[in-house]
Amino acid sequence: MHRRFLFVFALCLLASIPARAQSVDIFGGYSYLRFEGTPAGNYNGWELAGQYKVRKWLGGIVDVSGDYGSPTGVTSSVRTYMVGPQVSFPWRITPFAHVIGGLGQFTQGNVDKIGLGYGYGAGIDMKIAPRISWRILQGDEIETRFFGKTQGNLRFSSGIVFHF
């Protein structure tokens, strides 16, 4: 009985702590990737990212992308699954920068390789409605490691950010 009371008391105490600048941003948009592997090529696709902000200027992001192309005539794809911190300066036009790390996946024909991926990038969001921004441009240097070699890839994205 005593433990239940302490448990309920702790829950009430935690629930009464006000949330400070905690919010969620969801980004979805177009992605262009210059893949510097063998074969090198231009890939087009999508990028999705979610950010949980613990402060107005600091959050953690989850970034997933898929880019597709046929530089040798065979359809291939590069996908990334990364997480990391993001710093932003929230104004009407919001610059941001992040460092991300995780996994990359390269697929071509029946070849499917998974390797480490990491990168850094920055961008600019512009508020277009109370809970909507346009990600004018995001640029990332994404390093992937497939087939025992490191590829330095450039990724550019643009799309819409929803603020919750």
Protein backbone atom coordinates (compact mmCIF):
# COMPACT_ATOMS: atom_id res chain seq x y z
CA MET A 1 0.00 0.00 0.00
CA HIS A 2 2.80 2.38 0.94
CA ARG A 3 4.63 1.68 -2.36
CA ARG A 4 1.49 2.38 -4.40
CA PHE A 5 1.05 5.70 -2.67
CA LEU A 6 4.67 6.67 -3.37
CA PHE A 7 4.29 5.56 -7.01
CA VAL A 8 1.12 7.66 -7.51
CA PHE A 9 2.74 10.60 -5.71
CA ALA A 10 5.82 10.38 -7.97
CA LEU A 11 3.61 10.25 -11.09
CA CYS A 12 1.68 13.33 -9.98
CA LEU A 13 4.93 15.15 -9.23
CA LEU A 14 6.37 14.31 -12.66
CA ALA A 15 3.15 15.30 -14.41
CA SER A 16 3.17 18.69 -12.69
CA ILE A 17 6.62 19.64 -14.02
CA PRO A 18 6.03 22.07 -16.88
CA ALA A 19 7.46 21.18 -20.27
CA ARG A 20 10.05 23.71 -21.39
CA ALA A 21 10.24 24.25 -25.14
CA GLN A 22 9.64 20.60 -25.87
CA SER A 23 8.29 20.16 -29.37
CA VAL A 24 8.50 17.89 -32.38
CA ASP A 25 9.35 18.88 -35.96
CA ILE A 26 8.72 16.57 -38.92
CA PHE A 27 10.47 17.20 -42.25
CA GLY A 28 9.71 15.54 -45.58
CA GLY A 29 11.05 16.42 -48.98
CA TYR A 30 13.10 15.90 -52.10
CA SER A 31 16.71 14.71 -51.87
CA TYR A 32 19.55 14.88 -54.41
CA LEU A 33 22.63 12.77 -53.67
CA ARG A 34 25.95 12.85 -55.49
CA PHE A 35 27.19 9.33 -54.69
CA GLU A 36 30.99 9.06 -54.96
CA GLY A 37 31.18 5.26 -54.99
CA THR A 38 31.99 2.90 -57.82
CA PRO A 39 30.18 3.73 -59.98
CA ALA A 40 29.74 7.39 -59.06
CA GLY A 41 26.43 8.92 -60.01
CA ASN A 42 23.61 11.36 -59.42
CA TYR A 43 20.72 9.98 -57.39
CA ASN A 44 17.28 11.48 -56.71
CA GLY A 45 14.92 10.54 -53.91
CA TRP A 46 13.37 11.54 -50.61
CA GLU A 47 14.35 12.45 -47.08
CA LEU A 48 12.34 12.22 -43.86
CA ALA A 49 13.52 13.60 -40.53
CA GLY A 50 12.00 13.98 -37.11
CA GLN A 51 13.38 16.26 -34.42
CA TYR A 52 12.53 16.27 -30.73
CA LYS A 53 13.48 19.66 -29.29
CA VAL A 54 14.47 19.71 -25.63
CA ARG A 55 15.13 23.46 -25.87
CA LYS A 56 14.12 26.00 -28.51
CA TRP A 57 17.65 25.78 -29.94
CA LEU A 58 18.63 22.13 -29.27
CA GLY A 59 17.13 18.85 -30.35
CA GLY A 60 17.82 15.28 -31.34
CA ILE A 61 17.06 14.17 -34.92
CA VAL A 62 16.32 10.92 -36.69
CA ASP A 63 17.12 11.19 -40.42
CA VAL A 64 16.13 8.58 -43.03
CA SER A 65 16.68 8.97 -46.77
CA GLY A 66 16.43 6.97 -49.98
CA ASP A 67 18.05 8.01 -53.25
CA TYR A 68 17.79 6.11 -56.55
CA GLY A 69 19.62 6.17 -59.86
CA SER A 70 21.02 4.12 -62.75
CA PRO A 71 24.58 5.31 -63.40
CA THR A 72 25.53 2.01 -65.11
CA GLY A 73 22.13 1.19 -66.57
CA VAL A 74 21.26 -1.00 -63.56
CA THR A 75 18.94 0.53 -60.99
CA SER A 76 20.72 1.19 -57.71
CA SER A 77 19.85 2.90 -54.44
CA VAL A 78 21.56 4.46 -51.45
CA ARG A 79 19.63 4.64 -48.18
CA THR A 80 20.75 6.15 -44.88
CA TYR A 81 19.43 5.72 -41.33
CA MET A 82 21.04 8.24 -38.95
CA VAL A 83 20.57 10.05 -35.63
CA GLY A 84 22.30 12.95 -33.88
CA PRO A 85 22.03 16.37 -32.26
CA GLN A 86 20.82 19.49 -34.08
CA VAL A 87 21.33 23.14 -33.09
CA SER A 88 19.05 25.84 -34.51
CA PHE A 89 18.48 29.55 -34.10
CA PRO A 90 14.67 29.92 -34.17
CA TRP A 91 13.53 33.06 -35.92
CA ARG A 92 11.29 33.65 -38.93
CA ILE A 93 14.24 32.37 -40.98
CA THR A 94 15.90 29.59 -38.96
CA PRO A 95 19.44 28.43 -39.70
CA PHE A 96 20.44 25.03 -38.26
CA ALA A 97 23.36 22.61 -38.15
CA HIS A 98 23.65 18.96 -37.18
CA VAL A 99 26.00 16.01 -36.82
CA ILE A 100 24.54 12.58 -37.62
CA GLY A 101 25.68 8.98 -37.56
CA GLY A 102 24.24 5.54 -38.23
CA LEU A 103 23.99 3.13 -41.15
CA GLY A 104 24.07 3.35 -44.92
CA GLN A 105 22.78 0.76 -47.40
CA PHE A 106 23.78 0.36 -51.04
CA THR A 107 21.74 -1.85 -53.39
CA GLN A 108 22.45 -2.59 -57.06
CA GLY A 109 20.94 -5.61 -58.80
CA ASN A 110 21.34 -8.50 -56.35
CA VAL A 111 24.20 -6.77 -54.44
CA ASP A 112 23.12 -5.38 -51.07
CA LYS A 113 25.73 -3.89 -48.71
CA ILE A 114 25.22 -2.27 -45.32
CA GLY A 115 27.93 -0.13 -43.75
CA LEU A 116 28.52 2.68 -41.34
CA GLY A 117 27.49 6.18 -42.26
CA TYR A 118 28.08 9.55 -40.66
CA GLY A 119 27.97 13.17 -41.64
CA TYR A 120 27.36 16.78 -40.87
CA GLY A 121 25.26 19.46 -42.45
CA ALA A 122 23.40 22.72 -42.20
CA GLY A 123 20.35 24.39 -43.68
CA ILE A 124 17.78 27.16 -43.59
CA ASP A 125 14.06 26.94 -42.77
CA MET A 126 11.62 29.78 -43.45
CA LYS A 127 8.29 30.04 -41.64
CA ILE A 128 5.38 30.15 -44.13
CA ALA A 129 2.46 29.52 -41.72
CA PRO A 130 2.06 29.28 -37.92
CA ARG A 131 3.03 25.56 -37.78
CA ILE A 132 4.65 25.11 -41.20
CA SER A 133 8.08 26.02 -42.56
CA TRP A 134 9.75 25.56 -45.90
CA ARG A 135 13.18 23.97 -45.74
CA ILE A 136 14.70 26.16 -48.44
CA LEU A 137 17.92 24.18 -48.55
CA GLN A 138 19.73 21.58 -46.48
CA GLY A 139 23.22 20.47 -47.42
CA ASP A 140 24.99 17.45 -45.93
CA GLU A 141 28.36 15.80 -46.35
CA ILE A 142 27.52 12.12 -45.86
CA GLU A 143 30.35 9.60 -45.53
CA THR A 144 29.45 5.96 -46.21
CA ARG A 145 31.61 2.86 -46.14
CA PHE A 146 30.85 0.11 -48.67
CA PHE A 147 33.12 -2.58 -50.14
CA GLY A 148 36.03 -1.58 -47.87
CA LYS A 149 36.14 1.99 -49.20
CA THR A 150 34.83 5.29 -47.87
CA GLN A 151 32.62 7.43 -50.10
CA GLY A 152 32.27 11.18 -49.52
CA ASN A 153 28.77 11.99 -50.77
CA LEU A 154 27.01 15.35 -51.05
CA ARG A 155 23.27 15.47 -50.33
CA PHE A 156 20.99 18.45 -50.89
CA SER A 157 17.35 18.51 -49.71
CA SER A 158 14.33 20.79 -49.78
CA GLY A 159 10.80 20.30 -48.48
CA ILE A 160 8.25 21.09 -45.80
CA VAL A 161 8.65 21.10 -41.99
CA PHE A 162 5.63 20.64 -39.71
CA HIS A 163 5.94 21.92 -36.11
CA PHE A 164 3.97 20.20 -33.32
